[in-house]
PDB file of N, CA and C in Angstrom:
ATOM      1  N   MET A   1       3.242  10.748  28.963  1.00  0.00           N
ATOM      2  CA  MET A   1       2.634  10.702  28.625  1.00  0.00           C
ATOM      3  C   MET A   1       1.499   9.945  28.799  1.00  0.00           C
ATOM      4  N   ASN A   2       0.924  10.162  28.090  1.00  0.00           N
ATOM      5  CA  ASN A   2      -1.327   9.654  28.392  1.00  0.00           C
ATOM      6  C   ASN A   2      -0.699   8.137  28.137  1.00  0.00           C
ATOM      7  N   LYS A   3      -1.535   7.216  29.168  1.00  0.00           N
ATOM      8  CA  LYS A   3      -1.538   6.029  29.161  1.00  0.00           C
ATOM      9  C   LYS A   3      -2.074   5.399  27.895  1.00  0.00           C
ATOM     10  N   VAL A   4      -2.616   4.549  27.105  1.00  0.00           N
ATOM     11  CA  VAL A   4      -4.166   4.526  25.681  1.00  0.00           C
ATOM     12  C   VAL A   4      -4.619   2.953  26.869  1.00  0.00           C
ATOM     13  N   GLN A   5      -6.157   3.125  27.593  1.00  0.00           N
ATOM     14  CA  GLN A   5      -6.655   1.925  27.772  1.00  0.00           C
ATOM     15  C   GLN A   5      -7.487   1.372  27.063  1.00  0.00           C
ATOM     16  N   VAL A   6      -7.832   0.449  26.056  1.00  0.00           N
ATOM     17  CA  VAL A   6      -9.212  -0.153  26.473  1.00  0.00           C
ATOM     18  C   VAL A   6     -10.092  -1.298  26.749  1.00  0.00           C
ATOM     19  N   GLN A   7     -11.209  -0.591  26.884  1.00  0.00           N
ATOM     20  CA  GLN A   7     -11.919  -1.255  27.864  1.00  0.00           C
ATOM     21  C   GLN A   7     -12.734  -3.291  26.707  1.00  0.00           C
ATOM     22  N   SER A   8     -12.809  -3.718  27.565  1.00  0.00           N
ATOM     23  CA  SER A   8     -12.918  -5.444  26.511  1.00  0.00           C
ATOM     24  C   SER A   8     -14.671  -5.575  25.871  1.00  0.00           C
ATOM     25  N   ASN A   9     -15.146  -4.448  26.723  1.00  0.00           N
ATOM     26  CA  ASN A   9     -16.385  -4.360  25.665  1.00  0.00           C
ATOM     27  C   ASN A   9     -16.619  -3.793  24.722  1.00  0.00           C
ATOM     28  N   MET A  10     -15.074  -2.675  24.707  1.00  0.00           N
ATOM     29  CA  MET A  10     -15.297  -2.062  23.445  1.00  0.00           C
ATOM     30  C   MET A  10     -14.022  -2.280  21.918  1.00  0.00           C
ATOM     31  N   GLY A  11     -14.380  -2.471  20.937  1.00  0.00           N
ATOM     32  CA  GLY A  11     -13.938  -1.723  20.037  1.00  0.00           C
ATOM     33  C   GLY A  11     -12.762  -0.980  19.881  1.00  0.00           C
ATOM     34  N   ASP A  12     -11.236  -1.314  19.570  1.00  0.00           N
ATOM     35  CA  ASP A  12     -10.960  -0.275  18.877  1.00  0.00           C
ATOM     36  C   ASP A  12     -10.853   1.196  18.531  1.00  0.00           C
ATOM     37  N   GLY A  13     -11.886   0.735  17.645  1.00  0.00           N
ATOM     38  CA  GLY A  13     -13.186   2.442  17.391  1.00  0.00           C
ATOM     39  C   GLY A  13     -13.953   3.127  18.091  1.00  0.00           C
ATOM     40  N   GLU A  14     -13.806   1.991  18.879  1.00  0.00           N
ATOM     41  CA  GLU A  14     -14.937   2.402  20.014  1.00  0.00           C
ATOM     42  C   GLU A  14     -14.563   2.979  20.823  1.00  0.00           C
ATOM     43  N   ALA A  15     -13.475   2.590  21.347  1.00  0.00           N
ATOM     44  CA  ALA A  15     -11.915   2.692  22.280  1.00  0.00           C
ATOM     45  C   ALA A  15     -11.364   4.485  22.172  1.00  0.00           C
ATOM     46  N   ILE A  16     -10.867   4.755  20.841  1.00  0.00           N
ATOM     47  CA  ILE A  16     -10.746   5.741  20.636  1.00  0.00           C
ATOM     48  C   ILE A  16     -12.019   6.753  20.990  1.00  0.00           C
ATOM     49  N   VAL A  17     -12.691   6.488  20.060  1.00  0.00           N
ATOM     50  CA  VAL A  17     -14.051   7.607  20.533  1.00  0.00           C
ATOM     51  C   VAL A  17     -14.161   8.410  21.724  1.00  0.00           C
ATOM     52  N   ALA A  18     -14.178   6.265  22.688  1.00  0.00           N
ATOM     53  CA  ALA A  18     -14.244   7.693  23.858  1.00  0.00           C
ATOM     54  C   ALA A  18     -13.422   8.614  24.565  1.00  0.00           C
ATOM     55  N   GLU A  19     -12.507   8.146  23.775  1.00  0.00           N
ATOM     56  CA  GLU A  19     -11.232   8.726  24.605  1.00  0.00           C
ATOM     57  C   GLU A  19     -11.485  10.236  24.399  1.00  0.00           C
ATOM     58  N   GLY A  20     -12.508  10.863  23.049  1.00  0.00           N
ATOM     59  CA  GLY A  20     -12.548  12.472  22.734  1.00  0.00           C
ATOM     60  C   GLY A  20     -11.750  12.021  22.039  1.00  0.00           C
ATOM     61  N   LYS A  21     -11.067  11.474  21.096  1.00  0.00           N
ATOM     62  CA  LYS A  21      -9.889  10.815  19.593  1.00  0.00           C
ATOM     63  C   LYS A  21     -10.437  11.099  18.632  1.00  0.00           C
ATOM     64  N   THR A  22     -10.760  11.616  17.940  1.00  0.00           N
ATOM     65  CA  THR A  22     -11.114  11.485  16.595  1.00  0.00           C
ATOM     66  C   THR A  22     -10.518  10.351  15.754  1.00  0.00           C
ATOM     67  N   LEU A  23     -12.472   9.562  14.782  1.00  0.00           N
ATOM     68  CA  LEU A  23     -11.444   8.653  14.182  1.00  0.00           C
ATOM     69  C   LEU A  23     -11.704   8.984  12.873  1.00  0.00           C
ATOM     70  N   GLN A  24     -11.041   7.520  11.438  1.00  0.00           N
ATOM     71  CA  GLN A  24     -11.197   8.219  10.031  1.00  0.00           C
ATOM     72  C   GLN A  24     -11.421   7.039   9.611  1.00  0.00           C
ATOM     73  N   ARG A  25     -12.164   6.875   8.752  1.00  0.00           N
ATOM     74  CA  ARG A  25     -12.341   5.347   8.216  1.00  0.00           C
ATOM     75  C   ARG A  25     -12.537   5.868   7.315  1.00  0.00           C
ATOM     76  N   SER A  26     -11.947   4.939   5.806  1.00  0.00           N
ATOM     77  CA  SER A  26     -11.676   5.332   4.760  1.00  0.00           C
ATOM     78  C   SER A  26     -12.522   3.734   3.779  1.00  0.00           C
ATOM     79  N   GLN A  27     -12.500   3.946   3.179  1.00  0.00           N
ATOM     80  CA  GLN A  27     -13.436   2.323   2.840  1.00  0.00           C
ATOM     81  C   GLN A  27     -12.747   2.240   1.574  1.00  0.00           C
ATOM     82  N   ILE A  28     -12.057   2.711   0.583  1.00  0.00           N
ATOM     83  CA  ILE A  28     -11.309   2.815  -1.442  1.00  0.00           C
ATOM     84  C   ILE A  28     -10.608   1.732  -1.110  1.00  0.00           C
ATOM     85  N   GLY A  29     -10.405   1.815  -2.171  1.00  0.00           N
ATOM     86  CA  GLY A  29      -9.749   0.218  -3.065  1.00  0.00           C
ATOM     87  C   GLY A  29      -8.173   1.591  -2.091  1.00  0.00           C
ATOM     88  N   PHE A  30      -7.599   2.722  -2.657  1.00  0.00           N
ATOM     89  CA  PHE A  30      -6.994   2.774  -3.190  1.00  0.00           C
ATOM     90  C   PHE A  30      -6.736   4.167  -2.881  1.00  0.00           C
ATOM     91  N   THR A  31      -5.745   5.277  -2.156  1.00  0.00           N
ATOM     92  CA  THR A  31      -5.706   6.383  -2.816  1.00  0.00           C
ATOM     93  C   THR A  31      -5.129   7.005  -2.699  1.00  0.00           C
ATOM     94  N   THR A  32      -5.377   7.987  -3.828  1.00  0.00           N
ATOM     95  CA  THR A  32      -4.533   8.607  -4.586  1.00  0.00           C
ATOM     96  C   THR A  32      -4.173  10.100  -4.058  1.00  0.00           C
ATOM     97  N   ALA A  33      -2.268  10.872  -3.270  1.00  0.00           N
ATOM     98  CA  ALA A  33      -2.681  11.630  -2.149  1.00  0.00           C
ATOM     99  C   ALA A  33      -2.142  12.678  -4.204  1.00  0.00           C
ATOM    100  N   VAL A  34      -0.831  12.691  -5.009  1.00  0.00           N
ATOM    101  CA  VAL A  34      -0.202  12.687  -5.274  1.00  0.00           C
ATOM    102  C   VAL A  34      -0.683  13.321  -6.597  1.00  0.00           C
ATOM    103  N   THR A  35      -0.078  14.152  -7.986  1.00  0.00           N
ATOM    104  CA  THR A  35      -0.808  14.175  -8.868  1.00  0.00           C
ATOM    105  C   THR A  35       1.378  14.130 -10.001  1.00  0.00           C
ATOM    106  N   VAL A  36       1.379  13.016  -9.912  1.00  0.00           N
ATOM    107  CA  VAL A  36       3.128  13.303 -11.494  1.00  0.00           C
ATOM    108  C   VAL A  36       2.693  13.394 -12.853  1.00  0.00           C
ATOM    109  N   GLN A  37       3.330  15.074 -12.770  1.00  0.00           N
ATOM    110  CA  GLN A  37       3.373  15.393 -14.040  1.00  0.00           C
ATOM    111  C   GLN A  37       4.762  14.957 -14.993  1.00  0.00           C
ATOM    112  N   LYS A  38       4.294  13.561 -15.577  1.00  0.00           N
ATOM    113  CA  LYS A  38       5.922  12.666 -16.488  1.00  0.00           C
ATOM    114  C   LYS A  38       4.681  12.237 -17.276  1.00  0.00           C
ATOM    115  N   PRO A  39       4.626  12.577 -18.774  1.00  0.00           N
ATOM    116  CA  PRO A  39       4.361  12.043 -19.887  1.00  0.00           C
ATOM    117  C   PRO A  39       5.129  10.742 -20.271  1.00  0.00           C
ATOM    118  N   ARG A  40       3.915  10.003 -20.447  1.00  0.00           N
ATOM    119  CA  ARG A  40       3.945   8.512 -19.898  1.00  0.00           C
ATOM    120  C   ARG A  40       4.344   8.675 -22.398  1.00  0.00           C
ATOM    121  N   GLN A  41       5.487   6.775 -22.089  1.00  0.00           N
ATOM    122  CA  GLN A  41       5.998   6.792 -23.625  1.00  0.00           C
ATOM    123  C   GLN A  41       5.800   5.419 -23.329  1.00  0.00           C
ATOM    124  N   ARG A  42       5.055   5.598 -24.464  1.00  0.00           N
ATOM    125  CA  ARG A  42       4.532   4.161 -24.627  1.00  0.00           C
ATOM    126  C   ARG A  42       5.197   2.852 -25.020  1.00  0.00           C
ATOM    127  N   ALA A  43       6.570   3.303 -26.032  1.00  0.00           N
ATOM    128  CA  ALA A  43       7.179   2.507 -26.700  1.00  0.00           C
ATOM    129  C   ALA A  43       7.855   2.238 -25.181  1.00  0.00           C
ATOM    130  N   GLU A  44       8.171   2.471 -24.156  1.00  0.00           N
ATOM    131  CA  GLU A  44       8.426   2.322 -23.020  1.00  0.00           C
ATOM    132  C   GLU A  44       7.519   1.347 -21.805  1.00  0.00           C
ATOM    133  N   VAL A  45       6.324   1.420 -22.254  1.00  0.00           N
ATOM    134  CA  VAL A  45       5.324   0.906 -21.206  1.00  0.00           C
ATOM    135  C   VAL A  45       5.385  -0.771 -21.680  1.00  0.00           C
ATOM    136  N   LEU A  46       4.979  -0.413 -23.524  1.00  0.00           N
ATOM    137  CA  LEU A  46       5.118  -1.150 -24.060  1.00  0.00           C
ATOM    138  C   LEU A  46       6.437  -2.821 -23.399  1.00  0.00           C
ATOM    139  N   LYS A  47       7.719  -3.057 -23.979  1.00  0.00           N
ATOM    140  CA  LYS A  47       9.016  -3.298 -23.826  1.00  0.00           C
ATOM    141  C   LYS A  47       8.831  -3.789 -22.024  1.00  0.00           C
ATOM    142  N   ALA A  48       8.649  -2.429 -21.483  1.00  0.00           N
ATOM    143  CA  ALA A  48       8.682  -3.274 -19.453  1.00  0.00           C
ATOM    144  C   ALA A  48       7.238  -3.732 -20.001  1.00  0.00           C
ATOM    145  N   CYS A  49       6.319  -3.811 -20.220  1.00  0.00           N
ATOM    146  CA  CYS A  49       5.338  -5.294 -20.451  1.00  0.00           C
ATOM    147  C   CYS A  49       5.499  -6.157 -21.384  1.00  0.00           C
ATOM    148  N   GLU A  50       6.542  -6.095 -22.229  1.00  0.00           N
ATOM    149  CA  GLU A  50       6.649  -7.299 -22.908  1.00  0.00           C
ATOM    150  C   GLU A  50       8.322  -8.446 -21.992  1.00  0.00           C
ATOM    151  N   GLU A  51       8.882  -7.482 -22.056  1.00  0.00           N
ATOM    152  CA  GLU A  51       9.749  -8.212 -21.063  1.00  0.00           C
ATOM    153  C   GLU A  51       8.808  -8.645 -19.553  1.00  0.00           C
ATOM    154  N   GLU A  52       8.860  -8.542 -19.134  1.00  0.00           N
ATOM    155  CA  GLU A  52       7.601  -9.176 -17.393  1.00  0.00           C
ATOM    156  C   GLU A  52       6.654 -10.281 -18.701  1.00  0.00           C
ATOM    157  N   ALA A  53       6.319 -10.109 -19.832  1.00  0.00           N
ATOM    158  CA  ALA A  53       5.598 -11.107 -20.131  1.00  0.00           C
ATOM    159  C   ALA A  53       5.931 -12.314 -20.695  1.00  0.00           C
ATOM    160  N   THR A  54       7.734 -12.301 -21.198  1.00  0.00           N
ATOM    161  CA  THR A  54       9.061 -13.421 -21.969  1.00  0.00           C
ATOM    162  C   THR A  54       9.236 -14.172 -19.922  1.00  0.00           C
ATOM    163  N   LEU A  55       9.264 -12.966 -18.727  1.00  0.00           N
ATOM    164  CA  LEU A  55       9.264 -14.103 -17.790  1.00  0.00           C
ATOM    165  C   LEU A  55       8.326 -14.570 -17.038  1.00  0.00           C
ATOM    166  N   ALA A  56       7.124 -14.146 -16.573  1.00  0.00           N
ATOM    167  CA  ALA A  56       5.447 -14.902 -16.780  1.00  0.00           C
ATOM    168  C   ALA A  56       5.504 -15.519 -17.443  1.00  0.00           C
ATOM    169  N   GLY A  57       5.738 -16.148 -18.510  1.00  0.00           N
ATOM    170  CA  GLY A  57       5.027 -16.865 -19.215  1.00  0.00           C
ATOM    171  C   GLY A  57       3.302 -17.582 -19.497  1.00  0.00           C
ATOM    172  N   ASP A  58       3.123 -19.230 -19.095  1.00  0.00           N
ATOM    173  CA  ASP A  58       1.821 -18.960 -19.510  1.00  0.00           C
ATOM    174  C   ASP A  58       1.178 -18.348 -18.482  1.00  0.00           C
ATOM    175  N   ASP A  59       2.165 -17.459 -17.111  1.00  0.00           N
ATOM    176  CA  ASP A  59       0.723 -16.743 -16.652  1.00  0.00           C
ATOM    177  C   ASP A  59       0.506 -16.079 -16.149  1.00  0.00           C
ATOM    178  N   PHE A  60       0.325 -15.462 -17.883  1.00  0.00           N
ATOM    179  CA  PHE A  60      -0.489 -13.921 -18.844  1.00  0.00           C
ATOM    180  C   PHE A  60      -1.103 -14.523 -19.272  1.00  0.00           C
ATOM    181  N   LEU A  61      -1.445 -15.631 -19.627  1.00  0.00           N
ATOM    182  CA  LEU A  61      -2.620 -16.273 -19.928  1.00  0.00           C
ATOM    183  C   LEU A  61      -3.221 -17.959 -19.386  1.00  0.00           C
ATOM    184  N   TYR A  62      -5.180 -17.457 -19.560  1.00  0.00           N
ATOM    185  CA  TYR A  62      -5.919 -18.972 -18.756  1.00  0.00           C
ATOM    186  C   TYR A  62      -6.029 -19.303 -20.271  1.00  0.00           C
ATOM    187  N   ALA A  63      -6.699 -20.816 -19.645  1.00  0.00           N
ATOM    188  CA  ALA A  63      -6.912 -21.638 -20.430  1.00  0.00           C
ATOM    189  C   ALA A  63      -7.773 -22.875 -20.206  1.00  0.00           C
ATOM    190  N   TRP A  64      -8.935 -23.360 -20.362  1.00  0.00           N
ATOM    191  CA  TRP A  64      -9.831 -24.154 -19.979  1.00  0.00           C
ATOM    192  C   TRP A  64     -10.742 -24.631 -20.122  1.00  0.00           C
ATOM    193  N   PRO A  65     -10.616 -26.293 -20.730  1.00  0.00           N
ATOM    194  CA  PRO A  65     -12.085 -26.552 -21.239  1.00  0.00           C
ATOM    195  C   PRO A  65     -13.383 -26.514 -20.275  1.00  0.00           C
ATOM    196  N   VAL A  66     -14.655 -27.066 -21.579  1.00  0.00           N
ATOM    197  CA  VAL A  66     -16.122 -26.641 -22.049  1.00  0.00           C
ATOM    198  C   VAL A  66     -16.566 -27.775 -22.613  1.00  0.00           C
ATOM    199  N   LYS A  67     -17.621 -27.599 -22.216  1.00  0.00           N
ATOM    200  CA  LYS A  67     -18.338 -28.428 -23.248  1.00  0.00           C
ATOM    201  C   LYS A  67     -19.149 -27.914 -22.956  1.00  0.00           C
ATOM    202  N   ASP A  68     -19.919 -27.635 -24.732  1.00  0.00           N
ATOM    203  CA  ASP A  68     -20.624 -26.816 -25.446  1.00  0.00           C
ATOM    204  C   ASP A  68     -21.581 -27.340 -24.997  1.00  0.00           C
ATOM    205  N   LYS A  69     -22.633 -27.087 -25.262  1.00  0.00           N
ATOM    206  CA  LYS A  69     -24.240 -27.245 -24.882  1.00  0.00           C
ATOM    207  C   LYS A  69     -24.747 -28.422 -26.696  1.00  0.00           C
ATOM    208  N   ASN A  70     -24.091 -28.667 -27.370  1.00  0.00           N
ATOM    209  CA  ASN A  70     -23.983 -30.154 -27.631  1.00  0.00           C
ATOM    210  C   ASN A  70     -23.112 -30.779 -27.390  1.00  0.00           C
ATOM    211  N   GLY A  71     -22.994 -31.091 -25.905  1.00  0.00           N
ATOM    212  CA  GLY A  71     -21.713 -31.970 -25.782  1.00  0.00           C
ATOM    213  C   GLY A  71     -19.608 -32.342 -26.149  1.00  0.00           C
ATOM    214  N   LYS A  72     -19.697 -30.504 -27.223  1.00  0.00           N
ATOM    215  CA  LYS A  72     -18.161 -30.901 -27.605  1.00  0.00           C
ATOM    216  C   LYS A  72     -16.794 -30.147 -26.652  1.00  0.00           C
ATOM    217  N   THR A  73     -16.302 -30.746 -26.642  1.00  0.00           N
ATOM    218  CA  THR A  73     -15.865 -29.952 -25.653  1.00  0.00           C
ATOM    219  C   THR A  73     -14.819 -29.289 -25.980  1.00  0.00           C
ATOM    220  N   LYS A  74     -14.900 -28.330 -25.745  1.00  0.00           N
ATOM    221  CA  LYS A  74     -14.305 -25.856 -26.737  1.00  0.00           C
ATOM    222  C   LYS A  74     -12.817 -25.922 -25.180  1.00  0.00           C
ATOM    223  N   THR A  75     -12.278 -25.431 -26.167  1.00  0.00           N
ATOM    224  CA  THR A  75     -10.728 -24.774 -24.781  1.00  0.00           C
ATOM    225  C   THR A  75     -11.153 -22.658 -24.699  1.00  0.00           C
ATOM    226  N   ILE A  76     -12.093 -22.320 -23.599  1.00  0.00           N
ATOM    227  CA  ILE A  76     -11.487 -21.514 -23.450  1.00  0.00           C
ATOM    228  C   ILE A  76     -10.257 -20.625 -23.118  1.00  0.00           C
ATOM    229  N   GLU A  77      -9.915 -19.284 -23.515  1.00  0.00           N
ATOM    230  CA  GLU A  77      -9.065 -18.714 -23.333  1.00  0.00           C
ATOM    231  C   GLU A  77      -8.922 -17.776 -23.157  1.00  0.00           C
ATOM    232  N   GLY A  78      -8.053 -17.119 -22.733  1.00  0.00           N
ATOM    233  CA  GLY A  78      -7.634 -15.523 -22.880  1.00  0.00           C
ATOM    234  C   GLY A  78      -6.688 -14.763 -22.328  1.00  0.00           C
ATOM    235  N   GLU A  79      -6.691 -13.052 -21.925  1.00  0.00           N
ATOM    236  CA  GLU A  79      -5.316 -13.309 -21.241  1.00  0.00           C
ATOM    237  C   GLU A  79      -5.756 -13.177 -19.815  1.00  0.00           C
ATOM    238  N   SER A  80      -4.921 -13.538 -17.999  1.00  0.00           N
ATOM    239  CA  SER A  80      -4.402 -13.085 -17.285  1.00  0.00           C
ATOM    240  C   SER A  80      -5.038 -12.378 -16.566  1.00  0.00           C
ATOM    241  N   VAL A  81      -5.162 -11.999 -15.208  1.00  0.00           N
ATOM    242  CA  VAL A  81      -5.329 -10.890 -14.527  1.00  0.00           C
ATOM    243  C   VAL A  81      -3.522 -10.621 -13.824  1.00  0.00           C
ATOM    244  N   GLN A  82      -3.517 -11.153 -13.410  1.00  0.00           N
ATOM    245  CA  GLN A  82      -1.949 -10.501 -14.174  1.00  0.00           C
ATOM    246  C   GLN A  82      -1.035 -10.561 -14.925  1.00  0.00           C
ATOM    247  N   LEU A  83      -2.082 -10.486 -16.862  1.00  0.00           N
ATOM    248  CA  LEU A  83      -1.156  -9.490 -17.236  1.00  0.00           C
ATOM    249  C   LEU A  83      -2.228  -7.861 -17.337  1.00  0.00           C
ATOM    250  N   VAL A  84      -3.231  -8.238 -17.083  1.00  0.00           N
ATOM    251  CA  VAL A  84      -3.944  -6.887 -16.595  1.00  0.00           C
ATOM    252  C   VAL A  84      -2.985  -5.815 -15.931  1.00  0.00           C
ATOM    253  N   LEU A  85      -3.106  -6.587 -14.797  1.00  0.00           N
ATOM    254  CA  LEU A  85      -1.727  -6.380 -13.460  1.00  0.00           C
ATOM    255  C   LEU A  85      -0.277  -5.177 -14.563  1.00  0.00           C
ATOM    256  N   SER A  86      -0.003  -6.329 -14.786  1.00  0.00           N
ATOM    257  CA  SER A  86       1.420  -5.920 -15.705  1.00  0.00           C
ATOM    258  C   SER A  86       1.192  -4.209 -16.595  1.00  0.00           C
ATOM    259  N   GLY A  87       0.250  -4.152 -17.352  1.00  0.00           N
ATOM    260  CA  GLY A  87       0.013  -3.480 -17.923  1.00  0.00           C
ATOM    261  C   GLY A  87      -0.567  -1.843 -17.366  1.00  0.00           C
ATOM    262  N   ILE A  88      -0.967  -2.176 -16.074  1.00  0.00           N
ATOM    263  CA  ILE A  88      -1.544  -1.074 -15.393  1.00  0.00           C
ATOM    264  C   ILE A  88       0.227  -0.469 -14.247  1.00  0.00           C
ATOM    265  N   ARG A  89       0.602  -0.909 -13.915  1.00  0.00           N
ATOM    266  CA  ARG A  89       1.003  -1.052 -13.267  1.00  0.00           C
ATOM    267  C   ARG A  89       3.069  -0.602 -13.887  1.00  0.00           C
ATOM    268  N   ASN A  90       2.918  -0.774 -15.470  1.00  0.00           N
ATOM    269  CA  ASN A  90       3.440  -0.250 -15.596  1.00  0.00           C
ATOM    270  C   ASN A  90       2.973   0.959 -16.778  1.00  0.00           C
ATOM    271  N   TRP A  91       2.425   1.162 -16.632  1.00  0.00           N
ATOM    272  CA  TRP A  91       1.068   2.550 -17.312  1.00  0.00           C
ATOM    273  C   TRP A  91       1.636   3.665 -16.257  1.00  0.00           C
ATOM    274  N   GLY A  92       1.136   3.259 -14.575  1.00  0.00           N
ATOM    275  CA  GLY A  92       1.771   3.792 -13.226  1.00  0.00           C
ATOM    276  C   GLY A  92       1.257   4.753 -13.031  1.00  0.00           C
ATOM    277  N   ASN A  93       1.239   5.381 -12.322  1.00  0.00           N
ATOM    278  CA  ASN A  93       0.407   6.289 -11.732  1.00  0.00           C
ATOM    279  C   ASN A  93      -1.230   6.115 -11.656  1.00  0.00           C
ATOM    280  N   CYS A  94      -1.937   5.124 -11.651  1.00  0.00           N
ATOM    281  CA  CYS A  94      -3.221   4.806 -11.882  1.00  0.00           C
ATOM    282  C   CYS A  94      -3.011   3.860 -10.564  1.00  0.00           C
ATOM    283  N   GLY A  95      -4.301   3.655 -10.774  1.00  0.00           N
ATOM    284  CA  GLY A  95      -5.240   2.776  -9.556  1.00  0.00           C
ATOM    285  C   GLY A  95      -6.100   1.693 -10.112  1.00  0.00           C
ATOM    286  N   VAL A  96      -6.971   0.377 -10.091  1.00  0.00           N
ATOM    287  CA  VAL A  96      -8.170   0.089 -10.754  1.00  0.00           C
ATOM    288  C   VAL A  96      -8.563  -1.309  -9.802  1.00  0.00           C
ATOM    289  N   LEU A  97      -9.515  -0.570  -9.111  1.00  0.00           N
ATOM    290  CA  LEU A  97     -10.001  -1.990  -8.052  1.00  0.00           C
ATOM    291  C   LEU A  97     -11.014  -3.151  -9.381  1.00  0.00           C
ATOM    292  N   PHE A  98     -10.894  -4.049  -8.728  1.00  0.00           N
ATOM    293  CA  PHE A  98     -11.554  -5.448  -8.982  1.00  0.00           C
ATOM    294  C   PHE A  98     -11.301  -6.606  -8.061  1.00  0.00           C
ATOM    295  N   ASN A  99     -12.817  -7.031  -8.355  1.00  0.00           N
ATOM    296  CA  ASN A  99     -12.731  -8.399  -7.513  1.00  0.00           C
ATOM    297  C   ASN A  99     -12.144  -9.083  -8.071  1.00  0.00           C
TER     298      ASN A  99
END
């Protein structure tokens, strides 16, 4: 069995290359390897999202007060990232990158 020694002045990647091995780096957010041939049932996706929304409650929405240029307070509200992720998760076999 071969022993791997990493020299302290090298990073892990440099040590791998120094040993003559191959190093591959991927900088994408996700990798898809298999395509699934399964038609989506929109009614089932919607039902699953509604069930999650029932459990999540207010976590699927955001709201906070802001002052407009006239000094009046308005409430900004909308759908949260958690709601969007629920839709993606229930739609299935897809990935979305976001910051």
